[in-house]
Amino acid sequence: MDVRVRFAPSPTGFLHLGGVRTALFNWLFARNEGGKFLLRIEDTDKERSEKRFEDDILQNLEWLGIVPDEPIIRQTDRLDAYEKFLKQLLEENKAYYCFCSSKELEEEYQAQLSQGIIPKYSGKCKNISKENLEIKLKSSSAVIRLKMPERIISFSDMIRGKVEFDTKLFGDIIIAKGLREPLYNLAVVVDDEEQRITHVIRGEEHLSNTPKQIVIQEALGFPLVTYAHLPLILGADKKKLSKRFLTNSLSDYKNKGYLPSAVLNFLVLLGWHPKEDREVLSIFEMVNEFAIKRVQKAGAVFNPEKLDWLNFMHIRAMDSEELSKNLIPFVPTDWLSDSAKFNRSVIISKDRLKNLCDFQNDSKFIFTLPEYKVETIPWKDTTQQDAIKNLKNILDLIKNEIDENFPSTELKDAILKFADEEGRGNVLWPLRTALSGMESSPGPTDLLYVLGRAESIERINIALRKLEVSS
């Protein structure tokens, strides 16, 4: 059997991390099994569906590299198919029109509650005569209900094992508001059949829909599919994750400078684990090792600090040239005018970045002359005169260097030798603060490498003038 899975979002909101995890697990399962991953846009909710939400879903999935293997389908293009199968159910007396008003249904609901009965539709419209039905359809609005057989529905979930539901608790469910207005459970069954879906991998919140969809499959004569329901995503308190996190769109994380590889790495560990105790995984490793049998039943804890750490690790592992390309949207355009300097700044900063947004603040002093605070230039309790003397000695060493391959190994060795003689803090601290204007920055030889000979000399001279004026 050729594996075929699908991700079927509704374009009623921006793509969030919960939806991305579902898409990822489907995509990984298909890739690992040599199957197909399909994308379906479930846009029958005309009032809430919007083009901007669909665009967001498609653009972000592409950013992550989760792309479908076949053309995308949209439910609004498939109304003829739903009408066809709804007519079949009506003609075979497996479904019927219901004319009950909201008021009648509410009264029925309250009456059942007062008697201690689990509320469900009584089925009062099930046996309307054909003559009365034709009259009512001309004068009243109606929904279409499925005749729900009263029995135990049992199926084997790839994650949860044997699952059972008693359909007596459901009553006859509504499957459409009209022949061309299908509801979720009917539309998804028809779509899965016509797309030849073999495995449905989705969140635990859909578990209660499964027995209803199995009954619809059986009523239409469709083969059953295999189900896998992913664990809930929990907060740090082990309770269901707050909407604040689940409603944050993937674009929010993208715009904050998270790498797609880090986001995928983080999400794959929300309910799944590799064979060995590893946390940093490449896309290739995820695909190669993914197996549904290692998806847990218990809820998965959402830890924002872990996402930050994984992003830091993926940035560190990224090739510097590739990282430079990824940083372009996060920096002022004038920083790109000197590509060599920009690329050098990326090389010395990559081990310091938690996300791509950090780079602009972390590297601003490289592209803009810093405002020196004279009191921060000397090392600890040393005097300004000590800082002046040591900076002048370093300046003499730098002036004797040529631009090519600056700073040379010989210059670095000479600076370190001088620092060992005078005290590393006494020499290296004022050099670093003179070059960066900051108390926290990359090391001084890294700064010399990024700034180059001419600008390094200029910055040291500026620092010296400020020290001399204030001393």
Protein backbone atom coordinates (compact mmCIF):
# COMPACT_ATOMS: atom_id res chain seq x y z
CA MET A 1 0.00 0.00 0.00
CA ASP A 2 1.36 3.41 -0.98
CA VAL A 3 1.23 5.77 2.00
CA ARG A 4 -0.75 8.97 1.39
CA VAL A 5 -1.24 11.56 4.15
CA ARG A 6 -2.57 15.08 4.23
CA PHE A 7 -2.50 18.33 6.16
CA ALA A 8 -5.87 20.06 5.96
CA PRO A 9 -5.89 23.52 7.58
CA SER A 10 -8.82 25.93 7.55
CA PRO A 11 -7.90 29.45 6.33
CA THR A 12 -9.71 31.08 9.25
CA GLY A 13 -6.56 32.28 11.02
CA PHE A 14 -2.80 32.47 10.69
CA LEU A 15 -0.76 29.26 10.77
CA HIS A 16 0.33 28.52 14.36
CA LEU A 17 2.82 26.08 15.88
CA GLY A 18 0.17 23.48 16.74
CA GLY A 19 -0.85 23.28 13.09
CA VAL A 20 2.77 23.21 11.96
CA ARG A 21 3.48 20.22 14.21
CA THR A 22 0.60 18.32 12.61
CA ALA A 23 1.89 19.17 9.13
CA LEU A 24 5.44 18.18 10.11
CA PHE A 25 4.48 14.77 11.51
CA ASN A 26 2.47 13.99 8.38
CA TRP A 27 5.32 15.15 6.12
CA LEU A 28 7.96 13.18 8.05
CA PHE A 29 5.81 10.04 8.04
CA ALA A 30 5.33 10.30 4.27
CA ARG A 31 9.02 10.93 3.64
CA ASN A 32 10.13 8.09 5.89
CA GLU A 33 7.65 5.66 4.29
CA GLY A 34 8.35 6.79 0.72
CA GLY A 35 4.77 8.05 0.44
CA LYS A 36 2.99 11.24 -0.59
CA PHE A 37 2.20 14.34 1.46
CA LEU A 38 -0.88 16.29 0.32
CA LEU A 39 -2.23 19.70 1.26
CA ARG A 40 -5.95 20.46 1.38
CA ILE A 41 -7.47 23.84 2.20
CA GLU A 42 -10.73 23.33 4.11
CA ASP A 43 -12.42 26.60 3.26
CA THR A 44 -16.14 25.76 3.43
CA ASP A 45 -16.58 28.20 6.32
CA LYS A 46 -17.18 31.09 3.94
CA GLU A 47 -17.78 33.70 6.64
CA ARG A 48 -14.44 33.15 8.40
CA SER A 49 -12.17 31.96 5.56
CA GLU A 50 -9.91 34.65 4.09
CA LYS A 51 -7.36 34.74 1.29
CA ARG A 52 -4.74 36.35 3.55
CA PHE A 53 -4.91 33.38 5.92
CA GLU A 54 -4.50 30.90 3.08
CA ASP A 55 -1.54 32.89 1.75
CA ASP A 56 0.02 32.84 5.21
CA ILE A 57 -0.37 29.06 5.45
CA LEU A 58 1.13 28.40 2.04
CA GLN A 59 4.02 30.86 2.41
CA ASN A 60 5.03 29.59 5.82
CA LEU A 61 4.87 25.93 4.87
CA GLU A 62 7.11 26.74 1.93
CA TRP A 63 9.50 28.61 4.26
CA LEU A 64 9.72 25.47 6.39
CA GLY A 65 10.25 23.24 3.35
CA ILE A 66 6.99 21.34 3.95
CA VAL A 67 5.62 21.31 0.42
CA PRO A 68 2.93 19.01 -1.02
CA ASP A 69 3.68 16.32 -3.57
CA GLU A 70 0.50 16.94 -5.57
CA PRO A 71 -1.58 20.02 -6.48
CA ILE A 72 -3.41 21.69 -3.59
CA ILE A 73 -7.17 21.19 -3.47
CA ARG A 74 -9.77 23.49 -1.92
CA GLN A 75 -13.10 22.33 -0.57
CA THR A 76 -14.98 25.21 -2.17
CA ASP A 77 -14.02 23.72 -5.54
CA ARG A 78 -15.57 20.37 -4.59
CA LEU A 79 -19.20 21.18 -3.80
CA ASP A 80 -20.41 18.91 -6.61
CA ALA A 81 -18.72 15.92 -4.97
CA TYR A 82 -20.29 16.61 -1.58
CA GLU A 83 -23.73 17.06 -3.14
CA LYS A 84 -23.37 13.74 -4.96
CA PHE A 85 -22.63 11.78 -1.79
CA LEU A 86 -25.23 13.62 0.30
CA LYS A 87 -27.86 12.67 -2.28
CA GLN A 88 -26.65 9.07 -2.10
CA LEU A 89 -27.08 8.99 1.67
CA LEU A 90 -30.56 10.52 1.42
CA GLU A 91 -31.66 8.15 -1.35
CA GLU A 92 -30.40 5.13 0.59
CA ASN A 93 -32.27 6.32 3.71
CA LYS A 94 -29.00 6.65 5.64
CA ALA A 95 -29.55 10.36 6.17
CA TYR A 96 -32.59 12.62 6.45
CA TYR A 97 -33.68 16.25 6.51
CA CYS A 98 -34.22 17.81 9.94
CA PHE A 99 -36.50 20.85 10.30
CA CYS A 100 -36.19 21.39 14.06
CA SER A 101 -35.64 25.00 15.06
CA SER A 102 -32.95 26.15 17.45
CA LYS A 103 -35.65 26.80 20.03
CA GLU A 104 -37.01 23.26 19.74
CA LEU A 105 -33.54 21.75 20.03
CA GLU A 106 -32.74 23.84 23.10
CA GLU A 107 -35.99 22.83 24.80
CA GLU A 108 -35.26 19.18 24.03
CA TYR A 109 -31.73 19.59 25.39
CA GLN A 110 -32.89 21.15 28.66
CA ALA A 111 -35.60 18.51 29.14
CA GLN A 112 -33.08 15.70 28.78
CA LEU A 113 -30.70 17.38 31.22
CA SER A 114 -33.48 17.75 33.81
CA GLN A 115 -34.15 14.00 33.54
CA GLY A 116 -30.48 13.11 33.95
CA ILE A 117 -30.24 11.92 30.34
CA ILE A 118 -27.15 12.59 28.23
CA PRO A 119 -28.43 15.17 25.71
CA LYS A 120 -28.68 14.08 22.09
CA TYR A 121 -31.07 14.64 19.22
CA SER A 122 -34.25 12.59 19.61
CA GLY A 123 -34.65 11.84 15.91
CA LYS A 124 -38.13 13.31 15.66
CA CYS A 125 -37.66 14.25 11.96
CA LYS A 126 -36.39 10.79 11.01
CA ASN A 127 -39.72 9.41 9.88
CA ILE A 128 -41.37 12.33 8.06
CA SER A 129 -43.45 11.01 5.16
CA LYS A 130 -42.31 11.68 1.62
CA GLU A 131 -45.31 13.91 0.96
CA ASN A 132 -44.76 16.03 4.05
CA LEU A 133 -41.05 16.18 3.33
CA GLU A 134 -41.61 17.73 -0.09
CA ILE A 135 -43.94 20.32 1.37
CA LYS A 136 -41.57 21.22 4.21
CA LEU A 137 -38.57 21.56 1.89
CA LYS A 138 -40.45 24.20 -0.10
CA SER A 139 -41.36 26.28 2.93
CA SER A 140 -38.78 25.59 5.66
CA SER A 141 -35.02 25.50 6.05
CA ALA A 142 -33.47 22.19 6.96
CA VAL A 143 -30.19 20.52 7.83
CA ILE A 144 -29.16 16.98 6.90
CA ARG A 145 -28.59 14.45 9.66
CA LEU A 146 -26.88 11.06 9.46
CA LYS A 147 -28.72 8.08 10.92
CA MET A 148 -26.27 6.98 13.60
CA PRO A 149 -26.35 3.24 14.31
CA GLU A 150 -26.35 2.42 18.02
CA ARG A 151 -23.26 0.31 18.55
CA ILE A 152 -19.68 0.36 19.76
CA ILE A 153 -17.24 1.80 17.23
CA SER A 154 -13.78 0.33 17.71
CA PHE A 155 -10.60 1.21 15.84
CA SER A 156 -6.86 0.80 16.29
CA ASP A 157 -5.03 4.09 16.69
CA MET A 158 -1.33 3.95 15.74
CA ILE A 159 -0.45 5.92 18.88
CA ARG A 160 -3.19 5.05 21.39
CA GLY A 161 -3.91 1.45 20.48
CA LYS A 162 -7.50 0.21 20.68
CA VAL A 163 -10.06 3.01 21.05
CA GLU A 164 -13.82 2.54 21.51
CA PHE A 165 -16.81 4.88 21.38
CA ASP A 166 -20.47 4.18 22.07
CA THR A 167 -22.52 5.86 19.32
CA LYS A 168 -25.60 5.84 21.59
CA LEU A 169 -24.09 8.95 23.13
CA PHE A 170 -24.07 10.91 19.88
CA GLY A 171 -27.54 10.84 18.42
CA ASP A 172 -28.04 11.56 14.71
CA ILE A 173 -25.35 14.12 13.86
CA ILE A 174 -25.73 17.01 11.41
CA ILE A 175 -23.52 16.45 8.36
CA ALA A 176 -24.67 19.34 6.15
CA LYS A 177 -26.67 22.55 6.20
CA GLY A 178 -27.77 21.81 2.65
CA LEU A 179 -26.74 19.75 -0.36
CA ARG A 180 -23.96 22.23 -1.17
CA GLU A 181 -23.12 23.16 2.40
CA PRO A 182 -21.32 20.16 3.91
CA LEU A 183 -20.04 20.23 7.45
CA TYR A 184 -16.61 19.10 8.55
CA ASN A 185 -17.21 15.40 9.19
CA LEU A 186 -18.89 14.73 5.83
CA ALA A 187 -16.49 16.83 3.74
CA VAL A 188 -13.35 15.36 5.30
CA VAL A 189 -14.51 11.78 4.69
CA VAL A 190 -15.32 12.47 1.03
CA ASP A 191 -12.03 14.32 0.50
CA ASP A 192 -9.95 11.60 2.15
CA GLU A 193 -11.57 8.97 -0.04
CA GLU A 194 -11.13 10.87 -3.29
CA GLN A 195 -7.55 11.83 -2.43
CA ARG A 196 -6.88 8.18 -1.57
CA ILE A 197 -5.63 9.05 1.91
CA THR A 198 -4.36 5.99 3.76
CA HIS A 199 -3.35 7.50 7.12
CA VAL A 200 -4.90 10.41 9.02
CA ILE A 201 -2.41 11.92 11.49
CA ARG A 202 -3.92 14.76 13.50
CA GLY A 203 -4.22 16.27 16.97
CA GLU A 204 -5.89 14.57 19.92
CA GLU A 205 -8.68 17.16 19.85
CA HIS A 206 -10.05 15.38 16.76
CA LEU A 207 -10.31 12.00 18.49
CA SER A 208 -14.04 12.38 19.17
CA ASN A 209 -14.68 13.03 15.46
CA THR A 210 -13.18 9.69 14.44
CA PRO A 211 -16.16 7.39 15.26
CA LYS A 212 -18.50 9.78 13.43
CA GLN A 213 -16.27 9.74 10.37
CA ILE A 214 -16.01 5.94 10.49
CA VAL A 215 -19.81 5.69 10.44
CA ILE A 216 -19.93 8.04 7.42
CA GLN A 217 -17.23 5.98 5.67
CA GLU A 218 -19.23 2.82 6.25
CA ALA A 219 -22.49 4.43 5.11
CA LEU A 220 -20.85 5.51 1.84
CA GLY A 221 -19.08 2.19 1.31
CA PHE A 222 -15.61 3.72 1.63
CA PRO A 223 -12.63 1.74 2.94
CA LEU A 224 -11.49 2.76 6.41
CA VAL A 225 -8.29 4.73 6.90
CA THR A 226 -5.68 4.30 9.63
CA TYR A 227 -5.69 6.93 12.38
CA ALA A 228 -3.01 8.41 14.63
CA HIS A 229 -3.88 11.12 17.15
CA LEU A 230 -0.99 13.25 18.37
CA PRO A 231 -0.67 14.21 22.05
CA LEU A 232 -1.83 17.57 23.32
CA ILE A 233 0.70 20.39 23.66
CA LEU A 234 0.96 21.37 27.33
CA GLY A 235 2.35 24.37 29.18
CA ALA A 236 5.10 24.20 31.80
CA ASP A 237 2.42 23.47 34.43
CA LYS A 238 1.47 20.31 32.49
CA LYS A 239 -1.94 21.81 31.70
CA LYS A 240 -3.28 22.45 28.21
CA LEU A 241 -1.18 25.14 26.59
CA SER A 242 -2.65 28.62 26.87
CA LYS A 243 -4.11 30.19 23.75
CA ARG A 244 -1.45 32.90 24.01
CA PHE A 245 1.11 30.44 22.63
CA LEU A 246 -1.10 28.53 20.23
CA THR A 247 -2.49 31.69 18.66
CA ASN A 248 0.97 33.12 18.04
CA SER A 249 1.42 32.65 14.33
CA LEU A 250 4.41 30.98 12.75
CA SER A 251 5.12 34.34 11.10
CA ASP A 252 5.71 35.82 14.56
CA TYR A 253 8.53 33.35 15.15
CA LYS A 254 9.85 33.83 11.64
CA ASN A 255 9.93 37.61 12.10
CA LYS A 256 11.73 37.25 15.43
CA GLY A 257 14.57 35.47 13.69
CA TYR A 258 13.99 31.78 14.32
CA LEU A 259 15.43 29.44 11.70
CA PRO A 260 13.06 27.01 9.96
CA SER A 261 15.36 24.12 10.87
CA ALA A 262 15.22 25.09 14.57
CA VAL A 263 11.42 25.44 14.54
CA LEU A 264 11.08 21.99 12.97
CA ASN A 265 13.60 20.52 15.42
CA PHE A 266 11.65 21.99 18.33
CA LEU A 267 8.27 20.79 17.07
CA VAL A 268 9.37 17.25 16.24
CA LEU A 269 10.36 16.79 19.89
CA LEU A 270 6.86 17.78 21.04
CA GLY A 271 5.64 14.22 21.42
CA TRP A 272 8.33 12.25 19.58
CA HIS A 273 11.90 11.21 20.32
CA PRO A 274 14.73 9.75 18.24
CA LYS A 275 16.37 6.39 18.99
CA GLU A 276 19.23 7.95 20.89
CA ASP A 277 19.05 10.64 23.53
CA ARG A 278 19.66 13.58 21.18
CA GLU A 279 17.96 16.93 20.90
CA VAL A 280 19.68 18.77 18.05
CA LEU A 281 18.50 17.17 14.81
CA SER A 282 18.87 18.05 11.15
CA ILE A 283 15.98 17.68 8.71
CA PHE A 284 17.73 14.67 7.21
CA GLU A 285 17.97 13.00 10.63
CA MET A 286 14.30 13.69 11.38
CA VAL A 287 13.19 12.11 8.10
CA ASN A 288 15.53 9.15 8.47
CA GLU A 289 14.52 8.32 12.05
CA PHE A 290 10.85 9.29 12.25
CA ALA A 291 8.50 6.50 13.32
CA ILE A 292 4.97 6.77 14.66
CA LYS A 293 5.71 4.06 17.24
CA ARG A 294 7.95 6.54 19.08
CA VAL A 295 5.21 9.16 19.38
CA GLN A 296 4.10 9.37 23.00
CA LYS A 297 0.53 9.26 24.29
CA ALA A 298 1.10 11.77 27.09
CA GLY A 299 0.99 15.49 26.47
CA ALA A 300 4.11 17.28 25.23
CA VAL A 301 5.42 20.28 27.19
CA PHE A 302 5.99 23.51 25.27
CA ASN A 303 9.22 25.09 26.53
CA PRO A 304 10.08 28.48 24.93
CA GLU A 305 13.59 28.39 26.44
CA LYS A 306 14.27 25.14 24.63
CA LEU A 307 13.21 26.71 21.33
CA ASP A 308 15.67 29.55 21.98
CA TRP A 309 18.45 27.08 22.76
CA LEU A 310 17.76 24.99 19.66
CA ASN A 311 17.74 28.12 17.52
CA PHE A 312 21.11 29.11 19.02
CA MET A 313 22.49 25.64 18.23
CA HIS A 314 21.20 25.68 14.64
CA ILE A 315 22.65 29.15 14.06
CA ARG A 316 26.04 27.97 15.34
CA ALA A 317 25.93 24.94 13.06
CA MET A 318 24.98 26.92 9.97
CA ASP A 319 27.52 27.71 7.30
CA SER A 320 28.55 31.39 7.66
CA GLU A 321 27.74 32.17 4.04
CA GLU A 322 24.26 30.69 4.40
CA LEU A 323 23.78 32.54 7.69
CA SER A 324 24.69 35.81 5.98
CA LYS A 325 21.90 35.25 3.45
CA ASN A 326 19.40 34.54 6.24
CA LEU A 327 20.41 37.71 8.09
CA ILE A 328 19.81 40.08 5.17
CA PRO A 329 16.12 40.79 6.06
CA PHE A 330 17.12 41.63 9.63
CA VAL A 331 19.72 44.37 9.01
CA PRO A 332 19.70 47.92 7.58
CA THR A 333 20.38 47.93 3.85
CA ASP A 334 23.44 50.17 4.21
CA TRP A 335 25.15 47.40 6.18
CA LEU A 336 25.22 45.35 2.99
CA SER A 337 27.18 47.92 0.98
CA ASP A 338 30.46 46.43 2.22
CA SER A 339 29.73 42.73 1.75
CA ALA A 340 33.18 41.64 2.95
CA LYS A 341 32.78 43.49 6.23
CA PHE A 342 29.24 42.19 6.66
CA ASN A 343 30.34 38.60 6.10
CA ARG A 344 33.24 38.99 8.55
CA SER A 345 30.86 40.36 11.17
CA VAL A 346 28.64 37.29 10.72
CA ILE A 347 31.59 34.95 11.27
CA ILE A 348 32.53 36.48 14.63
CA SER A 349 28.91 36.86 15.82
CA LYS A 350 27.36 33.49 14.97
CA ASP A 351 28.34 31.89 18.28
CA ARG A 352 26.57 34.66 20.18
CA LEU A 353 23.18 34.75 18.47
CA LYS A 354 20.02 33.25 19.98
CA ASN A 355 18.03 34.45 16.99
CA LEU A 356 18.59 36.43 13.82
CA CYS A 357 17.10 39.59 15.34
CA ASP A 358 19.94 39.69 17.86
CA PHE A 359 22.46 40.34 15.13
CA GLN A 360 21.52 43.97 14.50
CA ASN A 361 21.86 44.97 18.13
CA ASP A 362 24.90 42.74 18.67
CA SER A 363 26.76 44.11 15.64
CA LYS A 364 25.58 47.72 15.49
CA PHE A 365 28.93 49.02 16.78
CA ILE A 366 30.68 47.44 13.76
CA PHE A 367 28.74 49.53 11.25
CA THR A 368 28.24 52.68 13.32
CA LEU A 369 31.01 54.46 15.18
CA PRO A 370 30.31 53.85 18.89
CA GLU A 371 29.94 56.56 21.52
CA TYR A 372 32.74 55.88 23.95
CA LYS A 373 32.27 56.10 27.70
CA VAL A 374 35.75 57.04 28.82
CA GLU A 375 35.34 55.40 32.23
CA THR A 376 34.77 51.97 30.61
CA ILE A 377 38.00 51.93 28.58
CA PRO A 378 40.57 51.22 31.35
CA TRP A 379 40.65 47.75 32.94
CA LYS A 380 39.12 47.61 36.43
CA ASP A 381 41.25 49.67 38.88
CA THR A 382 43.97 50.64 36.39
CA THR A 383 44.42 54.31 35.49
CA GLN A 384 43.59 56.11 32.28
CA GLN A 385 47.32 56.68 31.84
CA ASP A 386 47.86 52.90 31.87
CA ALA A 387 45.18 52.50 29.20
CA ILE A 388 46.75 55.28 27.09
CA LYS A 389 50.22 53.71 27.32
CA ASN A 390 49.01 50.22 26.40
CA LEU A 391 46.79 51.41 23.54
CA LYS A 392 49.68 53.40 22.05
CA ASN A 393 51.89 50.32 22.12
CA ILE A 394 49.18 48.26 20.41
CA LEU A 395 48.69 51.07 17.88
CA ASP A 396 52.39 50.95 16.98
CA LEU A 397 52.13 47.19 16.37
CA ILE A 398 49.06 47.64 14.15
CA LYS A 399 50.60 50.49 12.13
CA ASN A 400 53.48 48.24 11.15
CA GLU A 401 51.03 45.72 9.66
CA ILE A 402 49.94 45.66 6.02
CA ASP A 403 46.26 45.45 5.00
CA GLU A 404 46.53 42.03 3.40
CA ASN A 405 45.54 39.17 5.74
CA PHE A 406 44.97 41.64 8.59
CA PRO A 407 45.46 40.81 11.39
CA SER A 408 48.27 38.38 10.66
CA THR A 409 49.21 35.53 12.95
CA GLU A 410 52.37 37.45 13.78
CA LEU A 411 50.37 40.49 14.89
CA LYS A 412 48.07 38.39 17.05
CA ASP A 413 51.07 36.70 18.65
CA ALA A 414 52.73 40.08 19.26
CA ILE A 415 49.58 41.48 20.92
CA LEU A 416 49.21 38.42 23.14
CA LYS A 417 52.91 38.53 24.06
CA PHE A 418 52.57 42.16 25.07
CA ALA A 419 49.38 41.32 27.02
CA ASP A 420 51.17 38.53 28.89
CA GLU A 421 53.91 40.98 29.85
CA GLU A 422 51.61 43.78 31.01
CA GLY A 423 48.66 41.72 32.17
CA ARG A 424 45.97 40.45 29.81
CA GLY A 425 43.21 42.56 31.30
CA ASN A 426 45.37 45.69 31.25
CA VAL A 427 46.01 45.31 27.49
CA LEU A 428 43.12 43.37 25.94
CA TRP A 429 40.26 45.11 27.78
CA PRO A 430 41.09 48.67 26.65
CA LEU A 431 41.81 47.40 23.13
CA ARG A 432 38.43 45.71 22.93
CA THR A 433 36.51 48.67 24.37
CA ALA A 434 38.42 51.08 22.12
CA LEU A 435 37.38 49.06 19.07
CA SER A 436 33.78 48.37 20.09
CA GLY A 437 32.81 51.01 22.64
CA MET A 438 31.12 48.19 24.54
CA GLU A 439 31.83 46.29 27.72
CA SER A 440 30.55 43.09 26.14
CA SER A 441 31.60 42.23 22.61
CA PRO A 442 33.66 39.72 20.63
CA GLY A 443 37.36 39.50 21.48
CA PRO A 444 39.83 42.19 20.31
CA THR A 445 41.57 40.12 17.62
CA ASP A 446 38.15 39.22 16.17
CA LEU A 447 37.29 42.92 16.11
CA LEU A 448 40.55 43.76 14.33
CA TYR A 449 39.63 41.12 11.74
CA VAL A 450 36.17 42.60 11.13
CA LEU A 451 37.06 46.30 11.21
CA GLY A 452 40.26 46.06 9.20
CA ARG A 453 43.51 47.98 9.69
CA ALA A 454 42.39 51.51 8.77
CA GLU A 455 39.20 51.56 10.85
CA SER A 456 40.88 49.86 13.79
CA ILE A 457 43.54 52.59 13.82
CA GLU A 458 40.86 55.28 13.58
CA ARG A 459 38.87 53.89 16.52
CA ILE A 460 41.92 53.46 18.73
CA ASN A 461 42.92 57.08 18.01
CA ILE A 462 39.43 58.31 18.93
CA ALA A 463 39.59 56.41 22.21
CA LEU A 464 43.06 57.78 22.91
CA ARG A 465 41.93 61.38 22.30
CA LYS A 466 38.99 60.96 24.70
CA LEU A 467 41.26 59.46 27.35
CA GLU A 468 43.85 62.20 26.94
CA VAL A 469 41.23 64.98 27.17
CA SER A 470 39.69 63.57 30.35
CA SER A 471 42.92 62.60 32.11
